[in-house]
């Protein structure tokens, strides 16, 4: 099975069974946001800003273990990456990149911050695209009642609004606009 992702898998010589399992997992129907499209967007950014096999491996694994009911998705994803990528890439770096997505705080370290910016790039997109993202996140959390979701999501958005990953005036304005819109819509 040849996919658009093969060039990224090729950077760390991923075997066919690994490729098929990762694509299958990221294609699950309950992944309304945290699926292939999100990963495709990250690759499109990172192949220009930080093209390295550890970066590409981390993109595949950073949401590979994903259940919105769990609080340890990043830990489980990092553990899986360490186990499955041993001997293929620097697993310490891949694990560090994955774990950085738990809190999305700037580290002042180029590859980590670029990885986080790519993961959060949806926050600085056009409002219509952001609205689709917000809708898809809500669908992923449909098991949470509206009041609890609204309270929890507001807390997450307030945290994300404080990020210093996006420095350009355009990105800062888009971040503020999108987060303000979502907070008002909750």
N, C-alpha and C. Protein backbone atom coordinates (compact mmCIF):
# COMPACT_ATOMS: atom_id res chain seq x y z
N UNK A 1 0.85 -1.18 0.00
CA UNK A 1 0.00 0.00 0.00
C UNK A 1 0.90 1.25 0.00
N UNK A 2 0.82 2.05 -1.02
CA UNK A 2 1.61 3.27 -1.11
C UNK A 2 0.73 4.44 -0.67
N UNK A 3 1.28 5.25 0.21
CA UNK A 3 0.53 6.41 0.71
C UNK A 3 1.36 7.67 0.53
N UNK A 4 0.68 8.80 0.69
CA UNK A 4 1.39 10.08 0.63
C UNK A 4 2.39 10.23 1.76
N UNK A 5 2.27 9.39 2.78
CA UNK A 5 3.15 9.49 3.94
C UNK A 5 4.43 8.68 3.78
N UNK A 6 4.55 7.91 2.70
CA UNK A 6 5.71 7.04 2.54
C UNK A 6 7.03 7.79 2.59
N UNK A 7 7.08 8.98 2.03
CA UNK A 7 8.37 9.70 2.05
C UNK A 7 8.81 10.01 3.49
N UNK A 8 7.85 10.17 4.40
CA UNK A 8 8.20 10.42 5.81
C UNK A 8 8.57 9.12 6.50
N UNK A 9 7.83 8.06 6.22
CA UNK A 9 8.18 6.74 6.76
C UNK A 9 9.57 6.33 6.27
N UNK A 10 9.88 6.64 5.02
CA UNK A 10 11.17 6.25 4.43
C UNK A 10 12.35 6.86 5.18
N UNK A 11 12.16 8.02 5.79
CA UNK A 11 13.28 8.67 6.48
C UNK A 11 13.80 7.84 7.64
N UNK A 12 12.94 6.99 8.23
CA UNK A 12 13.42 6.13 9.31
C UNK A 12 13.21 4.65 9.01
N UNK A 13 13.06 4.34 7.70
CA UNK A 13 12.98 2.95 7.23
C UNK A 13 11.92 2.14 7.95
N UNK A 14 10.74 2.71 8.11
CA UNK A 14 9.65 2.02 8.77
C UNK A 14 9.23 0.79 7.96
N UNK A 15 9.12 -0.37 8.60
CA UNK A 15 8.66 -1.54 7.88
C UNK A 15 7.19 -1.42 7.48
N UNK A 16 6.79 -2.19 6.48
CA UNK A 16 5.43 -2.09 5.95
C UNK A 16 4.35 -2.32 7.01
N UNK A 17 4.55 -3.30 7.90
CA UNK A 17 3.52 -3.56 8.91
C UNK A 17 3.36 -2.38 9.87
N UNK A 18 4.45 -1.68 10.18
CA UNK A 18 4.38 -0.49 11.03
C UNK A 18 3.61 0.62 10.30
N UNK A 19 3.93 0.82 9.04
CA UNK A 19 3.25 1.84 8.25
C UNK A 19 1.75 1.59 8.22
N UNK A 20 1.37 0.37 7.92
CA UNK A 20 -0.05 0.04 7.81
C UNK A 20 -0.77 0.20 9.14
N UNK A 21 -0.13 -0.21 10.23
CA UNK A 21 -0.75 -0.08 11.56
C UNK A 21 -0.92 1.39 11.94
N UNK A 22 0.09 2.21 11.69
CA UNK A 22 0.01 3.63 12.03
C UNK A 22 -1.07 4.32 11.19
N UNK A 23 -1.08 4.09 9.90
CA UNK A 23 -2.10 4.70 9.03
C UNK A 23 -3.48 4.22 9.45
N UNK A 24 -3.61 2.94 9.76
CA UNK A 24 -4.89 2.41 10.21
C UNK A 24 -5.37 3.06 11.49
N UNK A 25 -4.47 3.22 12.45
CA UNK A 25 -4.84 3.84 13.73
C UNK A 25 -5.25 5.30 13.53
N UNK A 26 -4.49 6.03 12.73
CA UNK A 26 -4.79 7.45 12.53
C UNK A 26 -6.00 7.66 11.63
N UNK A 27 -6.47 6.60 10.99
CA UNK A 27 -7.65 6.68 10.11
C UNK A 27 -8.94 6.27 10.81
N UNK A 28 -8.87 5.91 12.06
CA UNK A 28 -10.08 5.46 12.75
C UNK A 28 -11.15 6.54 12.69
N UNK A 29 -12.41 6.16 12.52
CA UNK A 29 -13.48 7.14 12.32
C UNK A 29 -13.73 8.06 13.52
N UNK A 30 -13.38 7.63 14.71
CA UNK A 30 -13.60 8.50 15.88
C UNK A 30 -12.54 9.59 16.02
N UNK A 31 -11.56 9.58 15.15
CA UNK A 31 -10.52 10.62 15.16
C UNK A 31 -10.99 11.76 14.26
N UNK A 32 -11.79 12.61 14.81
CA UNK A 32 -12.35 13.71 14.02
C UNK A 32 -11.33 14.83 13.80
N UNK A 33 -10.43 15.04 14.76
CA UNK A 33 -9.35 16.00 14.56
C UNK A 33 -7.98 15.31 14.62
N UNK A 34 -7.76 14.48 15.60
CA UNK A 34 -6.44 13.88 15.83
C UNK A 34 -6.19 12.68 14.91
N UNK A 35 -6.33 12.91 13.62
CA UNK A 35 -6.15 11.85 12.64
C UNK A 35 -5.18 12.25 11.54
N UNK A 36 -5.35 11.61 10.40
CA UNK A 36 -4.40 11.80 9.30
C UNK A 36 -4.30 13.24 8.82
N UNK A 37 -5.41 13.95 8.76
CA UNK A 37 -5.37 15.33 8.26
C UNK A 37 -4.49 16.23 9.14
N UNK A 38 -4.62 16.06 10.45
CA UNK A 38 -3.78 16.81 11.38
C UNK A 38 -2.31 16.48 11.15
N UNK A 39 -2.00 15.20 10.98
CA UNK A 39 -0.62 14.78 10.76
C UNK A 39 -0.10 15.31 9.42
N UNK A 40 -0.95 15.25 8.41
CA UNK A 40 -0.57 15.78 7.10
C UNK A 40 -0.20 17.26 7.21
N UNK A 41 -0.99 18.01 7.97
CA UNK A 41 -0.71 19.44 8.16
C UNK A 41 0.63 19.64 8.86
N UNK A 42 0.89 18.84 9.89
CA UNK A 42 2.18 18.94 10.59
C UNK A 42 3.34 18.65 9.65
N UNK A 43 3.22 17.58 8.86
CA UNK A 43 4.29 17.24 7.92
C UNK A 43 4.54 18.38 6.94
N UNK A 44 3.47 19.01 6.46
CA UNK A 44 3.63 20.08 5.47
C UNK A 44 4.40 21.26 6.04
N UNK A 45 4.28 21.47 7.33
CA UNK A 45 5.02 22.55 7.99
C UNK A 45 6.45 22.11 8.28
N UNK A 46 6.59 20.95 8.90
CA UNK A 46 7.89 20.51 9.40
C UNK A 46 8.86 20.10 8.30
N UNK A 47 8.37 19.68 7.14
CA UNK A 47 9.31 19.34 6.07
C UNK A 47 10.02 20.59 5.57
N UNK A 48 9.45 21.77 5.84
CA UNK A 48 10.10 23.04 5.45
C UNK A 48 10.96 23.60 6.57
N UNK A 49 10.52 23.43 7.82
CA UNK A 49 11.19 24.11 8.93
C UNK A 49 12.16 23.23 9.70
N UNK A 50 11.92 21.92 9.71
CA UNK A 50 12.72 21.06 10.58
C UNK A 50 12.71 19.61 10.05
N UNK A 51 13.20 19.41 8.83
CA UNK A 51 13.12 18.07 8.23
C UNK A 51 14.17 17.11 8.80
N UNK A 52 13.75 16.25 9.68
CA UNK A 52 14.65 15.26 10.27
C UNK A 52 13.85 14.00 10.57
N UNK A 53 14.51 12.88 10.50
CA UNK A 53 13.77 11.62 10.69
C UNK A 53 13.16 11.51 12.08
N UNK A 54 13.82 12.03 13.10
CA UNK A 54 13.23 12.00 14.45
C UNK A 54 11.96 12.84 14.51
N UNK A 55 11.99 13.97 13.83
CA UNK A 55 10.80 14.84 13.78
C UNK A 55 9.65 14.09 13.11
N UNK A 56 9.92 13.48 11.97
CA UNK A 56 8.87 12.78 11.24
C UNK A 56 8.34 11.58 12.02
N UNK A 57 9.24 10.85 12.69
CA UNK A 57 8.79 9.73 13.51
C UNK A 57 7.91 10.24 14.66
N UNK A 58 8.29 11.35 15.25
CA UNK A 58 7.51 11.91 16.35
C UNK A 58 6.13 12.38 15.88
N UNK A 59 6.04 12.90 14.67
CA UNK A 59 4.73 13.29 14.15
C UNK A 59 3.82 12.06 14.12
N UNK A 60 4.31 10.97 13.57
CA UNK A 60 3.48 9.76 13.50
C UNK A 60 3.06 9.27 14.88
N UNK A 61 3.96 9.33 15.83
CA UNK A 61 3.69 8.73 17.14
C UNK A 61 3.06 9.68 18.14
N UNK A 62 3.06 10.98 17.91
CA UNK A 62 2.65 11.91 18.97
C UNK A 62 1.18 11.78 19.36
N UNK A 63 0.32 11.38 18.48
CA UNK A 63 -1.09 11.13 18.83
C UNK A 63 -1.47 9.69 18.53
N UNK A 64 -0.50 8.82 18.41
CA UNK A 64 -0.81 7.45 18.01
C UNK A 64 -1.68 6.76 19.07
N UNK A 65 -1.34 6.96 20.32
CA UNK A 65 -2.21 6.50 21.40
C UNK A 65 -3.06 7.71 21.76
N UNK A 66 -4.33 7.64 21.42
CA UNK A 66 -5.21 8.80 21.67
C UNK A 66 -6.59 8.32 22.06
N UNK A 67 -6.95 8.65 23.27
CA UNK A 67 -8.30 8.43 23.77
C UNK A 67 -8.64 9.66 24.60
N UNK A 68 -9.67 10.43 24.20
CA UNK A 68 -9.97 11.66 24.93
C UNK A 68 -10.35 11.45 26.39
N UNK A 69 -10.61 10.22 26.78
CA UNK A 69 -10.95 9.93 28.18
C UNK A 69 -9.70 9.75 29.05
N UNK A 70 -8.56 9.56 28.43
CA UNK A 70 -7.32 9.29 29.16
C UNK A 70 -6.52 10.58 29.35
N UNK A 71 -5.74 10.60 30.40
CA UNK A 71 -4.87 11.75 30.68
C UNK A 71 -3.40 11.43 30.42
N UNK A 72 -3.13 10.23 29.95
CA UNK A 72 -1.74 9.82 29.75
C UNK A 72 -1.46 9.40 28.31
N UNK A 73 -2.16 9.99 27.36
CA UNK A 73 -1.94 9.67 25.95
C UNK A 73 -0.49 9.93 25.52
N UNK A 74 0.05 11.05 25.95
CA UNK A 74 1.43 11.39 25.55
C UNK A 74 2.43 10.39 26.12
N UNK A 75 2.25 10.02 27.39
CA UNK A 75 3.16 9.05 27.99
C UNK A 75 3.08 7.70 27.26
N UNK A 76 1.86 7.28 26.96
CA UNK A 76 1.68 6.00 26.26
C UNK A 76 2.24 6.07 24.84
N UNK A 77 2.03 7.19 24.18
CA UNK A 77 2.59 7.35 22.82
C UNK A 77 4.11 7.36 22.85
N UNK A 78 4.69 8.07 23.81
CA UNK A 78 6.15 8.12 23.92
C UNK A 78 6.72 6.73 24.24
N UNK A 79 6.05 6.01 25.11
CA UNK A 79 6.49 4.65 25.45
C UNK A 79 6.43 3.74 24.23
N UNK A 80 5.36 3.83 23.48
CA UNK A 80 5.22 3.02 22.27
C UNK A 80 6.31 3.38 21.25
N UNK A 81 6.58 4.66 21.10
CA UNK A 81 7.63 5.10 20.17
C UNK A 81 8.98 4.55 20.60
N UNK A 82 9.28 4.64 21.89
CA UNK A 82 10.57 4.11 22.39
C UNK A 82 10.72 2.63 22.07
N UNK A 83 9.64 1.90 22.26
CA UNK A 83 9.66 0.45 22.03
C UNK A 83 9.78 0.13 20.54
N UNK A 84 8.96 0.75 19.73
CA UNK A 84 8.89 0.36 18.32
C UNK A 84 9.96 0.99 17.44
N UNK A 85 10.52 2.11 17.85
CA UNK A 85 11.49 2.81 17.01
C UNK A 85 12.94 2.57 17.43
N UNK A 86 13.14 1.75 18.46
CA UNK A 86 14.49 1.45 18.94
C UNK A 86 15.35 0.95 17.77
N UNK A 87 16.51 1.54 17.60
CA UNK A 87 17.42 1.15 16.54
C UNK A 87 17.15 1.84 15.20
N UNK A 88 16.05 2.59 15.12
CA UNK A 88 15.70 3.27 13.86
C UNK A 88 15.98 4.77 13.93
N UNK A 89 15.77 5.34 15.11
CA UNK A 89 15.94 6.78 15.32
C UNK A 89 16.44 7.01 16.74
N UNK A 90 16.75 8.25 17.05
CA UNK A 90 17.09 8.63 18.42
C UNK A 90 15.77 8.68 19.21
N UNK A 91 15.49 7.61 19.94
CA UNK A 91 14.21 7.51 20.64
C UNK A 91 14.09 8.51 21.79
N UNK A 92 15.20 8.95 22.35
CA UNK A 92 15.12 9.98 23.39
C UNK A 92 14.55 11.26 22.82
N UNK A 93 15.04 11.64 21.64
CA UNK A 93 14.54 12.87 21.00
C UNK A 93 13.07 12.72 20.63
N UNK A 94 12.70 11.59 20.04
CA UNK A 94 11.30 11.36 19.67
C UNK A 94 10.41 11.42 20.90
N UNK A 95 10.82 10.78 21.95
CA UNK A 95 10.05 10.79 23.20
C UNK A 95 9.92 12.20 23.77
N UNK A 96 11.01 12.96 23.75
CA UNK A 96 10.98 14.35 24.23
C UNK A 96 10.00 15.19 23.42
N UNK A 97 9.99 15.01 22.11
CA UNK A 97 9.06 15.75 21.25
C UNK A 97 7.61 15.40 21.59
N UNK A 98 7.35 14.12 21.73
CA UNK A 98 5.99 13.69 22.06
C UNK A 98 5.57 14.24 23.42
N UNK A 99 6.43 14.12 24.41
CA UNK A 99 6.07 14.58 25.76
C UNK A 99 5.88 16.10 25.81
N UNK A 100 6.55 16.83 24.95
CA UNK A 100 6.39 18.29 24.91
C UNK A 100 4.96 18.67 24.54
N UNK A 101 4.26 17.77 23.83
CA UNK A 101 2.88 18.09 23.43
C UNK A 101 1.89 17.96 24.58
N UNK A 102 2.32 17.48 25.71
CA UNK A 102 1.40 17.36 26.86
C UNK A 102 0.97 18.73 27.35
N UNK A 103 1.91 19.68 27.40
CA UNK A 103 1.60 21.01 27.93
C UNK A 103 1.80 22.13 26.89
N UNK A 104 2.44 21.82 25.78
CA UNK A 104 2.65 22.79 24.70
C UNK A 104 3.30 24.08 25.19
N UNK A 105 4.31 23.95 26.04
CA UNK A 105 5.04 25.12 26.52
C UNK A 105 6.34 25.24 25.74
N UNK A 106 6.68 26.46 25.39
CA UNK A 106 7.93 26.72 24.69
C UNK A 106 9.10 26.23 25.53
N UNK A 107 10.05 25.60 24.88
CA UNK A 107 11.26 25.10 25.54
C UNK A 107 12.47 25.95 25.19
N UNK A 108 12.32 26.85 24.20
CA UNK A 108 13.47 27.61 23.75
C UNK A 108 14.48 26.75 23.01
N UNK A 109 14.06 25.58 22.58
CA UNK A 109 14.91 24.65 21.84
C UNK A 109 14.28 24.48 20.47
N UNK A 110 15.05 24.80 19.43
CA UNK A 110 14.49 24.89 18.08
C UNK A 110 13.64 23.70 17.66
N UNK A 111 14.14 22.47 17.65
CA UNK A 111 13.28 21.42 17.11
C UNK A 111 12.01 21.20 17.94
N UNK A 112 12.11 21.32 19.24
CA UNK A 112 10.92 21.11 20.08
C UNK A 112 9.90 22.20 19.82
N UNK A 113 10.33 23.45 19.79
CA UNK A 113 9.39 24.54 19.57
C UNK A 113 8.78 24.50 18.17
N UNK A 114 9.56 24.12 17.18
CA UNK A 114 9.00 23.98 15.83
C UNK A 114 7.97 22.87 15.78
N UNK A 115 8.24 21.79 16.48
CA UNK A 115 7.30 20.67 16.55
C UNK A 115 6.00 21.12 17.21
N UNK A 116 6.11 21.84 18.31
CA UNK A 116 4.92 22.34 19.01
C UNK A 116 4.14 23.34 18.16
N UNK A 117 4.85 24.21 17.46
CA UNK A 117 4.17 25.16 16.57
C UNK A 117 3.39 24.43 15.48
N UNK A 118 3.98 23.39 14.94
CA UNK A 118 3.27 22.62 13.91
C UNK A 118 2.05 21.92 14.51
N UNK A 119 2.18 21.40 15.70
CA UNK A 119 1.07 20.72 16.35
C UNK A 119 -0.07 21.69 16.65
N UNK A 120 0.27 22.92 16.98
CA UNK A 120 -0.74 23.93 17.33
C UNK A 120 -1.07 24.88 16.19
N UNK A 121 -0.56 24.62 15.02
CA UNK A 121 -0.76 25.54 13.88
C UNK A 121 -2.23 25.83 13.60
N UNK A 122 -3.10 24.91 13.94
CA UNK A 122 -4.54 25.11 13.73
C UNK A 122 -5.03 26.35 14.49
N UNK A 123 -4.36 26.70 15.57
CA UNK A 123 -4.79 27.84 16.39
C UNK A 123 -4.63 29.17 15.67
N UNK A 124 -3.78 29.21 14.64
CA UNK A 124 -3.51 30.48 13.96
C UNK A 124 -3.97 30.44 12.51
N UNK A 125 -4.92 29.58 12.22
CA UNK A 125 -5.47 29.50 10.87
C UNK A 125 -6.64 30.47 10.70
N UNK A 126 -7.18 30.50 9.50
CA UNK A 126 -8.38 31.30 9.25
C UNK A 126 -9.51 30.84 10.15
N UNK A 127 -10.38 31.76 10.48
CA UNK A 127 -11.45 31.46 11.43
C UNK A 127 -12.32 30.30 10.98
N UNK A 128 -12.64 30.21 9.70
CA UNK A 128 -13.51 29.12 9.23
C UNK A 128 -12.85 27.76 9.46
N UNK A 129 -11.56 27.66 9.24
CA UNK A 129 -10.84 26.41 9.48
C UNK A 129 -10.80 26.12 10.97
N UNK A 130 -10.56 27.15 11.75
CA UNK A 130 -10.53 26.99 13.21
C UNK A 130 -11.90 26.53 13.73
N UNK A 131 -12.97 27.06 13.19
CA UNK A 131 -14.31 26.67 13.63
C UNK A 131 -14.55 25.18 13.37
N UNK A 132 -14.07 24.69 12.24
CA UNK A 132 -14.18 23.25 11.94
C UNK A 132 -13.39 22.43 12.95
N UNK A 133 -12.19 22.90 13.29
CA UNK A 133 -11.37 22.25 14.31
C UNK A 133 -12.12 22.19 15.64
N UNK A 134 -12.67 23.32 16.06
CA UNK A 134 -13.39 23.37 17.35
C UNK A 134 -14.56 22.39 17.34
N UNK A 135 -15.26 22.32 16.22
CA UNK A 135 -16.38 21.38 16.10
C UNK A 135 -15.89 19.94 16.23
N UNK A 136 -14.77 19.64 15.58
CA UNK A 136 -14.24 18.27 15.62
C UNK A 136 -13.70 17.89 16.99
N UNK A 137 -13.10 18.84 17.69
CA UNK A 137 -12.66 18.57 19.06
C UNK A 137 -13.87 18.26 19.94
N UNK A 138 -14.93 19.03 19.77
CA UNK A 138 -16.14 18.76 20.58
C UNK A 138 -16.69 17.37 20.28
N UNK A 139 -16.67 16.95 19.03
CA UNK A 139 -17.14 15.60 18.68
C UNK A 139 -16.27 14.54 19.37
N UNK A 140 -14.96 14.76 19.39
CA UNK A 140 -14.08 13.80 20.06
C UNK A 140 -14.39 13.71 21.55
N UNK A 141 -14.91 14.77 22.10
CA UNK A 141 -15.24 14.80 23.53
C UNK A 141 -16.75 14.73 23.77
N UNK A 142 -17.47 14.06 22.87
CA UNK A 142 -18.92 13.99 22.99
C UNK A 142 -19.37 13.22 24.23
N UNK A 143 -18.48 12.46 24.84
CA UNK A 143 -18.82 11.74 26.07
C UNK A 143 -18.91 12.68 27.28
N UNK A 144 -18.48 13.92 27.12
CA UNK A 144 -18.50 14.90 28.21
C UNK A 144 -19.73 15.79 28.04
N UNK A 145 -20.47 16.00 29.13
CA UNK A 145 -21.66 16.85 29.05
C UNK A 145 -21.26 18.29 28.72
N UNK A 146 -22.21 19.04 28.17
CA UNK A 146 -21.93 20.39 27.67
C UNK A 146 -21.33 21.31 28.73
N UNK A 147 -21.88 21.30 29.94
CA UNK A 147 -21.38 22.20 30.97
C UNK A 147 -19.94 21.86 31.35
N UNK A 148 -19.67 20.59 31.57
CA UNK A 148 -18.30 20.17 31.92
C UNK A 148 -17.33 20.45 30.78
N UNK A 149 -17.77 20.19 29.56
CA UNK A 149 -16.92 20.46 28.41
C UNK A 149 -16.59 21.94 28.32
N UNK A 150 -17.59 22.78 28.47
CA UNK A 150 -17.38 24.21 28.38
C UNK A 150 -16.37 24.69 29.42
N UNK A 151 -16.52 24.23 30.64
CA UNK A 151 -15.59 24.63 31.71
C UNK A 151 -14.17 24.14 31.41
N UNK A 152 -14.04 22.87 31.03
CA UNK A 152 -12.72 22.31 30.75
C UNK A 152 -12.08 22.92 29.52
N UNK A 153 -12.87 23.12 28.50
CA UNK A 153 -12.33 23.68 27.26
C UNK A 153 -11.89 25.12 27.46
N UNK A 154 -12.64 25.89 28.23
CA UNK A 154 -12.22 27.26 28.53
C UNK A 154 -10.86 27.28 29.22
N UNK A 155 -10.65 26.36 30.14
CA UNK A 155 -9.37 26.28 30.84
C UNK A 155 -8.25 25.96 29.85
N UNK A 156 -8.47 25.00 28.96
CA UNK A 156 -7.48 24.65 27.95
C UNK A 156 -7.19 25.86 27.05
N UNK A 157 -8.24 26.53 26.62
CA UNK A 157 -8.07 27.69 25.72
C UNK A 157 -7.31 28.82 26.40
N UNK A 158 -7.59 29.06 27.66
CA UNK A 158 -6.86 30.11 28.39
C UNK A 158 -5.37 29.77 28.47
N UNK A 159 -5.08 28.50 28.68
CA UNK A 159 -3.68 28.05 28.69
C UNK A 159 -3.04 28.26 27.31
N UNK A 160 -3.75 27.85 26.26
CA UNK A 160 -3.20 27.99 24.90
C UNK A 160 -3.04 29.45 24.51
N UNK A 161 -3.91 30.31 25.00
CA UNK A 161 -3.82 31.74 24.68
C UNK A 161 -2.52 32.36 25.20
N UNK A 162 -1.91 31.74 26.19
CA UNK A 162 -0.68 32.27 26.78
C UNK A 162 0.59 31.81 26.07
N UNK A 163 0.44 30.96 25.07
CA UNK A 163 1.62 30.43 24.40
C UNK A 163 2.47 31.54 23.79
N UNK A 164 3.78 31.35 23.88
CA UNK A 164 4.69 32.30 23.24
C UNK A 164 5.34 31.67 22.01
N UNK A 165 4.76 30.59 21.53
CA UNK A 165 5.30 29.91 20.35
C UNK A 165 5.10 30.72 19.08
N UNK A 166 4.03 31.50 19.03
CA UNK A 166 3.70 32.26 17.83
C UNK A 166 4.07 33.72 18.07
N UNK A 167 5.03 34.22 17.30
CA UNK A 167 5.59 35.54 17.55
C UNK A 167 5.15 36.61 16.56
N UNK A 168 4.76 36.23 15.37
CA UNK A 168 4.44 37.26 14.38
C UNK A 168 3.13 37.96 14.74
N UNK A 169 3.00 39.23 14.40
CA UNK A 169 1.75 39.94 14.68
C UNK A 169 0.54 39.25 14.05
N UNK A 170 0.72 38.72 12.84
CA UNK A 170 -0.38 38.01 12.18
C UNK A 170 -0.81 36.79 12.98
N UNK A 171 0.16 35.98 13.42
CA UNK A 171 -0.16 34.78 14.19
C UNK A 171 -0.78 35.12 15.55
N UNK A 172 -0.23 36.13 16.20
CA UNK A 172 -0.79 36.52 17.51
C UNK A 172 -2.23 36.99 17.37
N UNK A 173 -2.50 37.77 16.33
CA UNK A 173 -3.86 38.25 16.09
C UNK A 173 -4.81 37.10 15.78
N UNK A 174 -4.36 36.14 14.97
CA UNK A 174 -5.19 34.98 14.63
C UNK A 174 -5.45 34.12 15.87
N UNK A 175 -4.42 33.92 16.67
CA UNK A 175 -4.56 33.16 17.91
C UNK A 175 -5.61 33.81 18.82
N UNK A 176 -5.48 35.10 19.04
CA UNK A 176 -6.43 35.82 19.89
C UNK A 176 -7.84 35.75 19.33
N UNK A 177 -7.98 35.99 18.04
CA UNK A 177 -9.30 35.97 17.40
C UNK A 177 -9.96 34.60 17.53
N UNK A 178 -9.23 33.55 17.23
CA UNK A 178 -9.80 32.21 17.24
C UNK A 178 -10.18 31.76 18.65
N UNK A 179 -9.30 32.00 19.59
CA UNK A 179 -9.59 31.58 20.97
C UNK A 179 -10.74 32.41 21.54
N UNK A 180 -10.75 33.71 21.28
CA UNK A 180 -11.88 34.53 21.74
C UNK A 180 -13.18 34.05 21.14
N UNK A 181 -13.18 33.70 19.83
CA UNK A 181 -14.38 33.19 19.21
C UNK A 181 -14.87 31.92 19.91
N UNK A 182 -13.94 31.00 20.15
CA UNK A 182 -14.37 29.73 20.75
C UNK A 182 -14.87 29.91 22.17
N UNK A 183 -14.20 30.74 22.94
CA UNK A 183 -14.66 30.98 24.31
C UNK A 183 -16.07 31.57 24.30
N UNK A 184 -16.32 32.51 23.40
CA UNK A 184 -17.68 33.10 23.28
C UNK A 184 -18.71 32.07 22.85
N UNK A 185 -18.27 31.11 22.04
CA UNK A 185 -19.24 30.13 21.50
C UNK A 185 -19.54 29.00 22.47
N UNK A 186 -18.76 28.87 23.52
CA UNK A 186 -19.00 27.77 24.48
C UNK A 186 -20.22 28.03 25.35
